[in-house]
C-alpha atoms as a PDB file:
ATOM      1  CA  MET A   1      -1.522  -0.110  14.195  1.00  0.00           C
ATOM      2  CA  ASN A   2      -4.125  -2.829  13.960  1.00  0.00           C
ATOM      3  CA  ARG A   3      -5.697  -1.911  10.630  1.00  0.00           C
ATOM      4  CA  ILE A   4      -8.165  -4.792  10.776  1.00  0.00           C
ATOM      5  CA  ILE A   5      -9.785  -3.451  13.945  1.00  0.00           C
ATOM      6  CA  LEU A   6      -9.586   0.125  12.666  1.00  0.00           C
ATOM      7  CA  ALA A   7     -11.351  -0.788   9.434  1.00  0.00           C
ATOM      8  CA  LEU A   8     -14.081  -2.712  11.264  1.00  0.00           C
ATOM      9  CA  ILE A   9     -14.725   0.343  13.419  1.00  0.00           C
ATOM     10  CA  LEU A  10     -14.851   2.600  10.371  1.00  0.00           C
ATOM     11  CA  LEU A  11     -17.385   0.295   8.714  1.00  0.00           C
ATOM     12  CA  SER A  12     -19.527  -0.259  11.805  1.00  0.00           C
ATOM     13  CA  ALA A  13     -22.131   2.230  10.611  1.00  0.00           C
ATOM     14  CA  ASN A  14     -22.745   0.311   7.393  1.00  0.00           C
ATOM     15  CA  PRO A  15     -26.289  -1.154   7.565  1.00  0.00           C
ATOM     16  CA  LEU A  16     -25.376  -4.044   5.267  1.00  0.00           C
ATOM     17  CA  LEU A  17     -24.545  -7.453   6.737  1.00  0.00           C
ATOM     18  CA  SER A  18     -21.709  -9.561   5.399  1.00  0.00           C
ATOM     19  CA  LEU A  19     -20.942 -13.194   6.156  1.00  0.00           C
ATOM     20  CA  ALA A  20     -17.408 -13.947   7.213  1.00  0.00           C
ATOM     21  CA  GLN A  21     -15.653 -16.060   4.619  1.00  0.00           C
ATOM     22  CA  THR A  22     -15.497 -19.728   5.530  1.00  0.00           C
ATOM     23  CA  SER A  23     -13.045 -21.169   3.017  1.00  0.00           C
ATOM     24  CA  GLN A  24      -9.407 -21.596   3.995  1.00  0.00           C
ATOM     25  CA  PRO A  25      -7.492 -18.581   2.671  1.00  0.00           C
ATOM     26  CA  ASP A  26      -3.974 -18.611   1.316  1.00  0.00           C
ATOM     27  CA  MET A  27      -1.819 -17.829   4.380  1.00  0.00           C
ATOM     28  CA  THR A  28       1.273 -16.795   2.432  1.00  0.00           C
ATOM     29  CA  VAL A  29       2.220 -13.212   1.614  1.00  0.00           C
ATOM     30  CA  PHE A  30       5.116 -12.614  -0.775  1.00  0.00           C
ATOM     31  CA  GLY A  31       6.057 -16.258  -0.219  1.00  0.00           C
ATOM     32  CA  TYR A  32       6.212 -16.021   3.596  1.00  0.00           C
ATOM     33  CA  LYS A  33       3.654 -17.953   5.628  1.00  0.00           C
ATOM     34  CA  LEU A  34       1.780 -16.257   8.430  1.00  0.00           C
ATOM     35  CA  GLY A  35       2.058 -18.132  11.720  1.00  0.00           C
ATOM     36  CA  LYS A  36       5.545 -19.408  10.874  1.00  0.00           C
ATOM     37  CA  LYS A  37       9.054 -18.061  11.372  1.00  0.00           C
ATOM     38  CA  ILE A  38      10.219 -15.774   8.601  1.00  0.00           C
ATOM     39  CA  PRO A  39      13.420 -17.364   7.240  1.00  0.00           C
ATOM     40  CA  ILE A  40      15.490 -14.343   6.256  1.00  0.00           C
ATOM     41  CA  PRO A  41      18.715 -12.898   7.723  1.00  0.00           C
ATOM     42  CA  GLU A  42      19.195  -9.477   9.215  1.00  0.00           C
ATOM     43  CA  CYS A  43      20.636  -6.877   6.864  1.00  0.00           C
ATOM     44  CA  PRO A  44      24.392  -6.291   7.316  1.00  0.00           C
ATOM     45  CA  CYS A  45      25.364  -3.675   9.888  1.00  0.00           C
ATOM     46  CA  LYS A  46      28.343  -1.405  10.425  1.00  0.00           C
ATOM     47  CA  ILE A  47      29.643   0.587  13.392  1.00  0.00           C
ATOM     48  CA  VAL A  48      29.063   4.337  13.346  1.00  0.00           C
ATOM     49  CA  GLU A  49      30.109   6.995  15.819  1.00  0.00           C
ATOM     50  CA  SER A  50      27.978   9.930  16.867  1.00  0.00           C
ATOM     51  CA  LYS A  51      28.400  12.821  19.276  1.00  0.00           C
ATOM     52  CA  ARG A  52      26.168  13.889  22.114  1.00  0.00           C
ATOM     53  CA  VAL A  53      26.777  17.474  23.202  1.00  0.00           C
ATOM     54  CA  GLY A  54      25.727  18.551  26.680  1.00  0.00           C
ATOM     55  CA  ASN A  55      24.177  16.452  29.372  1.00  0.00           C
ATOM     56  CA  TYR A  56      21.860  17.807  32.059  1.00  0.00           C
ATOM     57  CA  GLY A  57      23.179  21.345  31.622  1.00  0.00           C
ATOM     58  CA  VAL A  58      26.859  20.368  31.730  1.00  0.00           C
ATOM     59  CA  LEU A  59      28.871  21.198  28.638  1.00  0.00           C
ATOM     60  CA  SER A  60      30.449  17.965  27.455  1.00  0.00           C
ATOM     61  CA  ILE A  61      30.924  15.857  24.366  1.00  0.00           C
ATOM     62  CA  THR A  62      30.203  12.161  24.509  1.00  0.00           C
ATOM     63  CA  HIS A  63      31.208   9.858  21.660  1.00  0.00           C
ATOM     64  CA  ILE A  64      28.716   7.044  21.131  1.00  0.00           C
ATOM     65  CA  LYS A  65      29.270   4.049  18.880  1.00  0.00           C
ATOM     66  CA  GLY A  66      26.230   2.289  17.550  1.00  0.00           C
ATOM     67  CA  TYR A  67      24.859   0.102  14.800  1.00  0.00           C
ATOM     68  CA  GLN A  68      23.754   1.224  11.351  1.00  0.00           C
ATOM     69  CA  TYR A  69      22.656  -0.771   8.326  1.00  0.00           C
ATOM     70  CA  VAL A  70      25.137  -0.816   5.468  1.00  0.00           C
ATOM     71  CA  SER A  71      22.556  -0.253   2.724  1.00  0.00           C
ATOM     72  CA  GLY A  72      20.717   2.986   3.405  1.00  0.00           C
ATOM     73  CA  LEU A  73      17.492   4.202   1.849  1.00  0.00           C
ATOM     74  CA  GLY A  74      17.785   4.291  -1.924  1.00  0.00           C
ATOM     75  CA  THR A  75      20.582   1.715  -1.954  1.00  0.00           C
ATOM     76  CA  PRO A  76      19.420  -1.806  -2.913  1.00  0.00           C
ATOM     77  CA  VAL A  77      20.324  -4.727  -0.693  1.00  0.00           C
ATOM     78  CA  SER A  78      22.167  -7.624  -2.310  1.00  0.00           C
ATOM     79  CA  THR A  79      20.164 -10.271  -0.420  1.00  0.00           C
ATOM     80  CA  THR A  80      16.621 -10.053   0.896  1.00  0.00           C
ATOM     81  CA  CYS A  81      16.921  -9.218   4.587  1.00  0.00           C
ATOM     82  CA  PHE A  82      15.208  -7.444   7.469  1.00  0.00           C
ATOM     83  CA  GLU A  83      15.926  -4.288   9.415  1.00  0.00           C
ATOM     84  CA  ARG A  84      14.941  -3.429  12.976  1.00  0.00           C
ATOM     85  CA  LEU A  85      13.044  -0.189  13.398  1.00  0.00           C
ATOM     86  CA  ASP A  86      14.936   0.502  16.627  1.00  0.00           C
ATOM     87  CA  ILE A  87      18.485  -0.128  15.400  1.00  0.00           C
ATOM     88  CA  ASP A  88      19.589   3.226  16.879  1.00  0.00           C
ATOM     89  CA  ASN A  89      18.944   1.885  20.380  1.00  0.00           C
ATOM     90  CA  TYR A  90      21.736  -0.690  20.135  1.00  0.00           C
ATOM     91  CA  LYS A  91      25.188   0.433  21.269  1.00  0.00           C
ATOM     92  CA  VAL A  92      28.551  -1.097  20.472  1.00  0.00           C
ATOM     93  CA  LYS A  93      30.585  -2.326  23.427  1.00  0.00           C
ATOM     94  CA  LYS A  94      34.093  -1.018  24.126  1.00  0.00           C
ATOM     95  CA  SER A  95      35.669  -3.855  22.180  1.00  0.00           C
ATOM     96  CA  ASP A  96      34.365  -2.293  18.949  1.00  0.00           C
ATOM     97  CA  GLN A  97      33.349  -5.765  17.895  1.00  0.00           C
ATOM     98  CA  LEU A  98      30.344  -6.011  15.598  1.00  0.00           C
ATOM     99  CA  ASN A  99      28.515  -8.711  17.537  1.00  0.00           C
ATOM    100  CA  PRO A 100      25.261 -10.251  16.247  1.00  0.00           C
ATOM    101  CA  LEU A 101      22.216  -8.524  17.724  1.00  0.00           C
ATOM    102  CA  PRO A 102      19.692 -10.546  19.745  1.00  0.00           C
ATOM    103  CA  ALA A 103      16.971 -12.292  17.781  1.00  0.00           C
ATOM    104  CA  VAL A 104      13.730 -10.389  17.195  1.00  0.00           C
ATOM    105  CA  THR A 105      11.035 -12.356  19.006  1.00  0.00           C
ATOM    106  CA  ASN A 106       8.404  -9.626  19.305  1.00  0.00           C
ATOM    107  CA  GLY A 107       8.009  -6.357  17.445  1.00  0.00           C
ATOM    108  CA  ILE A 108       7.904  -4.924  13.937  1.00  0.00           C
ATOM    109  CA  ILE A 109      10.642  -5.307  11.361  1.00  0.00           C
ATOM    110  CA  ASN A 110      11.033  -3.974   7.836  1.00  0.00           C
ATOM    111  CA  VAL A 111      11.754  -6.604   5.194  1.00  0.00           C
ATOM    112  CA  ARG A 112      13.723  -5.285   2.225  1.00  0.00           C
ATOM    113  CA  PHE A 113      13.670  -7.227  -1.029  1.00  0.00           C
ATOM    114  CA  ALA A 114      16.770  -7.722  -3.120  1.00  0.00           C
ATOM    115  CA  PRO A 115      15.964  -6.672  -6.721  1.00  0.00           C
ATOM    116  CA  GLN A 116      15.915 -10.278  -7.931  1.00  0.00           C
ATOM    117  CA  ASP A 117      13.366 -11.267  -5.240  1.00  0.00           C
ATOM    118  CA  ALA A 118      11.084  -8.240  -5.328  1.00  0.00           C
ATOM    119  CA  PRO A 119       7.382  -8.449  -6.258  1.00  0.00           C
ATOM    120  CA  SER A 120       6.103  -6.273  -9.097  1.00  0.00           C
ATOM    121  CA  LYS A 121       6.524  -2.520  -8.715  1.00  0.00           C
ATOM    122  CA  GLU A 122       2.753  -2.173  -8.848  1.00  0.00           C
ATOM    123  CA  MET A 123       2.147  -4.588  -5.975  1.00  0.00           C
ATOM    124  CA  CYS A 124       5.024  -3.424  -3.758  1.00  0.00           C
ATOM    125  CA  PRO A 125       6.424  -0.145  -5.144  1.00  0.00           C
ATOM    126  CA  LEU A 126       8.743   0.517  -2.188  1.00  0.00           C
ATOM    127  CA  GLY A 127      10.348  -2.917  -2.452  1.00  0.00           C
ATOM    128  CA  SER A 128       9.754  -3.586   1.231  1.00  0.00           C
ATOM    129  CA  PHE A 129       7.055  -4.391   3.779  1.00  0.00           C
ATOM    130  CA  ASN A 130       6.564  -4.214   7.525  1.00  0.00           C
ATOM    131  CA  ALA A 131       6.261  -7.544   9.321  1.00  0.00           C
ATOM    132  CA  SER A 132       4.829  -7.980  12.818  1.00  0.00           C
ATOM    133  CA  ILE A 133       6.575 -10.688  14.835  1.00  0.00           C
ATOM    134  CA  GLU A 134       5.015 -12.371  17.875  1.00  0.00           C
ATOM    135  CA  ASP A 135       6.716 -15.273  19.669  1.00  0.00           C
ATOM    136  CA  SER A 136       9.223 -15.340  16.776  1.00  0.00           C
ATOM    137  CA  LYS A 137       6.429 -15.928  14.232  1.00  0.00           C
ATOM    138  CA  LEU A 138       5.097 -13.763  11.433  1.00  0.00           C
ATOM    139  CA  THR A 139       1.628 -12.489  12.379  1.00  0.00           C
ATOM    140  CA  ALA A 140       1.022  -9.536  10.061  1.00  0.00           C
ATOM    141  CA  VAL A 141       2.252  -7.984   6.832  1.00  0.00           C
ATOM    142  CA  THR A 142       1.629  -4.347   5.919  1.00  0.00           C
ATOM    143  CA  PHE A 143       2.825  -2.690   2.736  1.00  0.00           C
ATOM    144  CA  THR A 144       2.402   0.576   0.886  1.00  0.00           C
ATOM    145  CA  ILE A 145       0.854   0.881  -2.569  1.00  0.00           C
ATOM    146  CA  TYR A 146       0.345   3.779  -4.934  1.00  0.00           C
ATOM    147  CA  ALA A 147      -3.200   5.120  -4.643  1.00  0.00           C
ATOM    148  CA  GLY A 148      -3.424   5.171  -8.435  1.00  0.00           C
ATOM    149  CA  ASP A 149      -2.833   1.398  -8.497  1.00  0.00           C
ATOM    150  CA  ALA A 150      -5.417   0.594  -5.806  1.00  0.00           C
ATOM    151  CA  ASP A 151      -8.055  -0.736  -8.211  1.00  0.00           C
ATOM    152  CA  ASN A 152      -5.566  -3.140  -9.791  1.00  0.00           C
ATOM    153  CA  ILE A 153      -4.405  -4.268  -6.344  1.00  0.00           C
ATOM    154  CA  PHE A 154      -8.050  -4.757  -5.358  1.00  0.00           C
ATOM    155  CA  ALA A 155      -8.540  -7.020  -8.377  1.00  0.00           C
ATOM    156  CA  ALA A 156      -5.441  -9.044  -7.439  1.00  0.00           C
ATOM    157  CA  LEU A 157      -6.662  -9.414  -3.840  1.00  0.00           C
ATOM    158  CA  LYS A 158     -10.096 -10.579  -5.042  1.00  0.00           C
ATOM    159  CA  LYS A 159      -8.400 -13.205  -7.168  1.00  0.00           C
ATOM    160  CA  LYS A 160      -6.469 -14.417  -4.114  1.00  0.00           C
ATOM    161  CA  TYR A 161      -9.095 -14.059  -1.358  1.00  0.00           C
ATOM    162  CA  GLY A 162     -12.407 -14.148  -3.246  1.00  0.00           C
ATOM    163  CA  ASN A 163     -15.096 -11.686  -4.259  1.00  0.00           C
ATOM    164  CA  ASN A 164     -16.845 -11.618  -0.883  1.00  0.00           C
ATOM    165  CA  ALA A 165     -15.195  -8.402   0.296  1.00  0.00           C
ATOM    166  CA  VAL A 166     -17.017  -5.596   2.094  1.00  0.00           C
ATOM    167  CA  VAL A 167     -16.259  -2.268   0.412  1.00  0.00           C
ATOM    168  CA  LYS A 168     -17.032   1.107   1.980  1.00  0.00           C
ATOM    169  CA  PRO A 169     -16.510   4.378   0.032  1.00  0.00           C
ATOM    170  CA  TYR A 170     -15.371   7.560   1.761  1.00  0.00           C
ATOM    171  CA  THR A 171     -14.867  11.202   0.807  1.00  0.00           C
ATOM    172  CA  ILE A 172     -12.789  13.868   2.495  1.00  0.00           C
ATOM    173  CA  GLN A 173     -13.207  17.532   1.609  1.00  0.00           C
ATOM    174  CA  ASN A 174     -11.342  20.717   2.375  1.00  0.00           C
ATOM    175  CA  GLY A 175     -12.764  24.150   3.115  1.00  0.00           C
ATOM    176  CA  TYR A 176     -12.673  25.114  -0.554  1.00  0.00           C
ATOM    177  CA  GLY A 177     -14.916  22.259  -1.668  1.00  0.00           C
ATOM    178  CA  ALA A 178     -12.172  20.119  -3.216  1.00  0.00           C
ATOM    179  CA  SER A 179     -12.555  16.443  -2.345  1.00  0.00           C
ATOM    180  CA  LEU A 180     -10.792  13.094  -2.403  1.00  0.00           C
ATOM    181  CA  ASN A 181     -12.663   9.828  -2.872  1.00  0.00           C
ATOM    182  CA  TYR A 182     -11.217   6.599  -1.504  1.00  0.00           C
ATOM    183  CA  TYR A 183     -12.435   3.257  -0.208  1.00  0.00           C
ATOM    184  CA  VAL A 184     -11.676   0.521   2.306  1.00  0.00           C
ATOM    185  CA  ALA A 185     -12.127  -3.160   1.369  1.00  0.00           C
ATOM    186  CA  ILE A 186     -12.156  -5.978   3.948  1.00  0.00           C
ATOM    187  CA  TRP A 187     -11.958  -9.745   3.664  1.00  0.00           C
ATOM    188  CA  ALA A 188     -12.874 -11.399   6.997  1.00  0.00           C
ATOM    189  CA  PHE A 189     -11.902 -15.032   7.494  1.00  0.00           C
ATOM    190  CA  PRO A 190     -12.092 -16.881  10.837  1.00  0.00           C
ATOM    191  CA  ASN A 191      -8.287 -17.026  10.947  1.00  0.00           C
ATOM    192  CA  LEU A 192      -7.237 -14.099   8.768  1.00  0.00           C
ATOM    193  CA  GLY A 193      -8.118 -10.476   8.083  1.00  0.00           C
ATOM    194  CA  VAL A 194      -7.243  -8.505   4.957  1.00  0.00           C
ATOM    195  CA  VAL A 195      -7.731  -4.740   4.576  1.00  0.00           C
ATOM    196  CA  LEU A 196      -7.077  -2.603   1.508  1.00  0.00           C
ATOM    197  CA  GLU A 197      -7.135   1.152   2.043  1.00  0.00           C
ATOM    198  CA  SER A 198      -7.009   2.785  -1.393  1.00  0.00           C
ATOM    199  CA  SER A 199      -5.662   6.031   0.055  1.00  0.00           C
ATOM    200  CA  MET A 200      -4.138   7.015   3.379  1.00  0.00           C
ATOM    201  CA  HIS A 201      -6.141  10.269   2.915  1.00  0.00           C
ATOM    202  CA  ARG A 202      -3.643  12.414   4.809  1.00  0.00           C
ATOM    203  CA  SER A 203      -4.218  15.137   2.215  1.00  0.00           C
ATOM    204  CA  LEU A 204      -6.212  15.673  -0.979  1.00  0.00           C
ATOM    205  CA  SER A 205      -3.048  14.958  -2.974  1.00  0.00           C
ATOM    206  CA  GLU A 206      -2.308  11.686  -1.174  1.00  0.00           C
ATOM    207  CA  GLN A 207      -0.253   9.340  -3.365  1.00  0.00           C
ATOM    208  CA  PHE A 208      -0.222   6.220  -1.209  1.00  0.00           C
ATOM    209  CA  GLY A 209      -2.564   3.570   0.120  1.00  0.00           C
ATOM    210  CA  THR A 210      -1.934   0.454   2.216  1.00  0.00           C
ATOM    211  CA  VAL A 211      -2.657  -3.249   2.424  1.00  0.00           C
ATOM    212  CA  ALA A 212      -2.653  -5.130   5.744  1.00  0.00           C
ATOM    213  CA  ILE A 213      -2.885  -8.928   6.033  1.00  0.00           C
ATOM    214  CA  GLU A 214      -2.844 -10.337   9.554  1.00  0.00           C
ATOM    215  CA  LEU A 215      -3.745 -13.109  11.916  1.00  0.00           C
ATOM    216  CA  PRO A 216      -6.225 -12.370  14.736  1.00  0.00           C
ATOM    217  CA  LYS A 217      -4.569 -11.026  17.866  1.00  0.00           C
ATOM    218  CA  LYS A 218      -4.227 -13.356  20.826  1.00  0.00           C
ATOM    219  CA  GLY A 219      -7.425 -13.306  22.840  1.00  0.00           C
ATOM    220  CA  GLU A 220      -9.255 -11.520  20.046  1.00  0.00           C
ATOM    221  CA  ALA A 221     -12.415 -13.213  18.788  1.00  0.00           C
ATOM    222  CA  PRO A 222     -12.291 -14.021  15.053  1.00  0.00           C
ATOM    223  CA  PRO A 223     -14.876 -12.373  12.771  1.00  0.00           C
ATOM    224  CA  GLN A 224     -18.319 -13.936  13.227  1.00  0.00           C
ATOM    225  CA  ASN A 225     -20.996 -14.435  10.615  1.00  0.00           C
ATOM    226  CA  GLN A 226     -23.368 -12.119  12.470  1.00  0.00           C
ATOM    227  CA  ARG A 227     -20.857  -9.285  12.836  1.00  0.00           C
ATOM    228  CA  LYS A 228     -22.206  -6.028  11.423  1.00  0.00           C
ATOM    229  CA  LEU A 229     -19.955  -4.092   9.077  1.00  0.00           C
END
């Protein structure tokens, strides 16, 4: 999801004008530079076997060998590495040899921090982030935060990207009158967009928010000074 575009659409009704930031922003996120290759290995894999029962109405059992990451959810990785989101699509050849998978040149990967490399629990509570890769280069970073920490994260982002952020408050309400207040903050640079969403607002008890930091898409005009937010 392109959260930069989504946030601009959400804020389009705001009558206030905001100038796009003109200073050169810091292009690194968690030590990785946007627009460059991300120099981390793939997480170790193992071969697993699964069964497929039935095929087009014919009763049969097919044994399928595929790839699976050694460190599952809840198990720390020993070295910071990345995981493909589509690892289940890769099948092991008859030789049962654990061959290296092809390089990820385009798509989204999940980067998992080893405990010794991880940012603070407040900044990155899940110990991982999603990275968008285009032409083998890092173009976007998205990570989850706790909604209760959003104000502190907002302060940290202002320290990094400046105070000239556009902030739009929102409220969702259920049929019983209970409500949830949250906000979206945007920093718009000519070559970078940053969006903080204090809550994903999927329910009134939502615990998580998100931060997205990304380069403009190819062919997409960068934010202009006259753009309404």
